[in-house]
Amino acid sequence: MSRPTITICMGSSCFARGNEKNVELCEKFLAARGLRDEVDVVLGASLCTGNCAAGPIVIVNDKVHTQVDAGVMTDLLEELFPASR
């Protein structure tokens, strides 16, 4: 199985709408779970999906997610990496 890929758009629109905070949240989540080496996080400065008005845009394993705030980002990470029980 390939490593999960999370692409967080850092274009000016997505950055201004909150992806700066989503990057920080993602980095802290992965570090807290010891997953830094298990996932590829890509920060694309020129990424454009044509959905800038629906940003911030985050792509998880090729699936585009729109209007990703901190709560949605946490939900995406929890779904991708559920806590061990």
Protein backbone atom coordinates (compact mmCIF):
# COMPACT_ATOMS: atom_id res chain seq x y z
CA MET A 1 0.00 0.00 0.00
CA SER A 2 1.33 3.43 -0.92
CA ARG A 3 1.86 6.20 1.56
CA PRO A 4 -1.04 8.65 1.94
CA THR A 5 -0.56 12.01 0.27
CA ILE A 6 -1.94 15.27 1.67
CA THR A 7 -1.60 18.31 -0.59
CA ILE A 8 -2.30 21.63 1.10
CA CYS A 9 -2.62 24.50 -1.35
CA MET A 10 -0.52 27.49 -0.39
CA GLY A 11 -1.72 29.77 -3.18
CA SER A 12 -2.58 33.27 -2.01
CA SER A 13 -6.34 32.66 -1.81
CA CYS A 14 -6.11 29.39 0.14
CA PHE A 15 -3.32 30.75 2.33
CA ALA A 16 -5.39 33.82 3.23
CA ARG A 17 -8.45 31.67 3.96
CA GLY A 18 -6.71 29.41 6.47
CA ASN A 19 -4.36 26.88 4.93
CA GLU A 20 -1.46 28.40 6.85
CA LYS A 21 -3.15 27.14 10.03
CA ASN A 22 -4.04 23.82 8.37
CA VAL A 23 -0.35 23.20 7.66
CA GLU A 24 0.50 23.79 11.32
CA LEU A 25 -2.38 21.59 12.47
CA CYS A 26 -1.33 18.79 10.11
CA GLU A 27 2.32 18.94 11.21
CA LYS A 28 1.36 18.84 14.91
CA PHE A 29 -1.11 15.98 14.38
CA LEU A 30 1.43 13.86 12.48
CA ALA A 31 4.16 14.56 15.05
CA ALA A 32 1.87 13.73 17.99
CA ARG A 33 0.96 10.39 16.40
CA GLY A 34 4.52 9.60 15.29
CA LEU A 35 3.47 9.63 11.63
CA ARG A 36 5.84 12.13 10.05
CA ASP A 37 7.59 9.42 8.05
CA GLU A 38 4.34 7.67 7.11
CA VAL A 39 2.70 10.39 5.01
CA ASP A 40 3.77 12.68 2.20
CA VAL A 41 2.69 16.26 2.87
CA VAL A 42 3.00 18.46 -0.20
CA LEU A 43 2.78 22.21 -0.05
CA GLY A 44 2.00 23.47 -3.53
CA ALA A 45 2.57 27.19 -4.01
CA SER A 46 1.17 27.11 -7.54
CA LEU A 47 -1.52 24.50 -7.01
CA CYS A 48 -4.81 25.41 -8.60
CA THR A 49 -7.82 23.14 -8.90
CA GLY A 50 -10.01 25.87 -10.34
CA ASN A 51 -11.85 26.01 -7.01
CA CYS A 52 -10.14 29.01 -5.45
CA ALA A 53 -13.47 30.55 -4.40
CA ALA A 54 -14.22 27.35 -2.45
CA GLY A 55 -10.89 27.39 -0.61
CA PRO A 56 -9.03 26.59 1.40
CA ILE A 57 -8.37 23.51 -0.72
CA VAL A 58 -6.80 20.33 0.67
CA ILE A 59 -6.32 17.21 -1.44
CA VAL A 60 -6.11 13.86 0.32
CA ASN A 61 -5.11 10.92 -1.89
CA ASP A 62 -6.33 12.76 -5.02
CA LYS A 63 -9.72 13.70 -3.50
CA VAL A 64 -10.31 17.46 -3.42
CA HIS A 65 -11.79 18.90 -0.22
CA THR A 66 -13.11 22.46 -0.22
CA GLN A 67 -13.64 25.01 2.55
CA VAL A 68 -11.27 23.14 4.85
CA ASP A 69 -11.14 24.83 8.24
CA ALA A 70 -9.37 23.47 11.32
CA GLY A 71 -12.32 21.24 12.23
CA VAL A 72 -12.55 19.70 8.77
CA MET A 73 -8.75 19.27 8.65
CA THR A 74 -8.84 17.43 11.97
CA ASP A 75 -11.69 15.22 10.74
CA LEU A 76 -9.76 14.35 7.56
CA LEU A 77 -6.66 13.43 9.57
CA GLU A 78 -8.67 11.39 12.08
CA GLU A 79 -10.34 9.49 9.23
CA LEU A 80 -7.02 8.84 7.52
CA PHE A 81 -5.19 7.97 10.77
CA PRO A 82 -7.66 6.72 13.39
CA ALA A 83 -6.34 6.60 16.95
CA SER A 84 -5.37 3.16 18.20
CA ARG A 85 -7.87 1.73 20.63
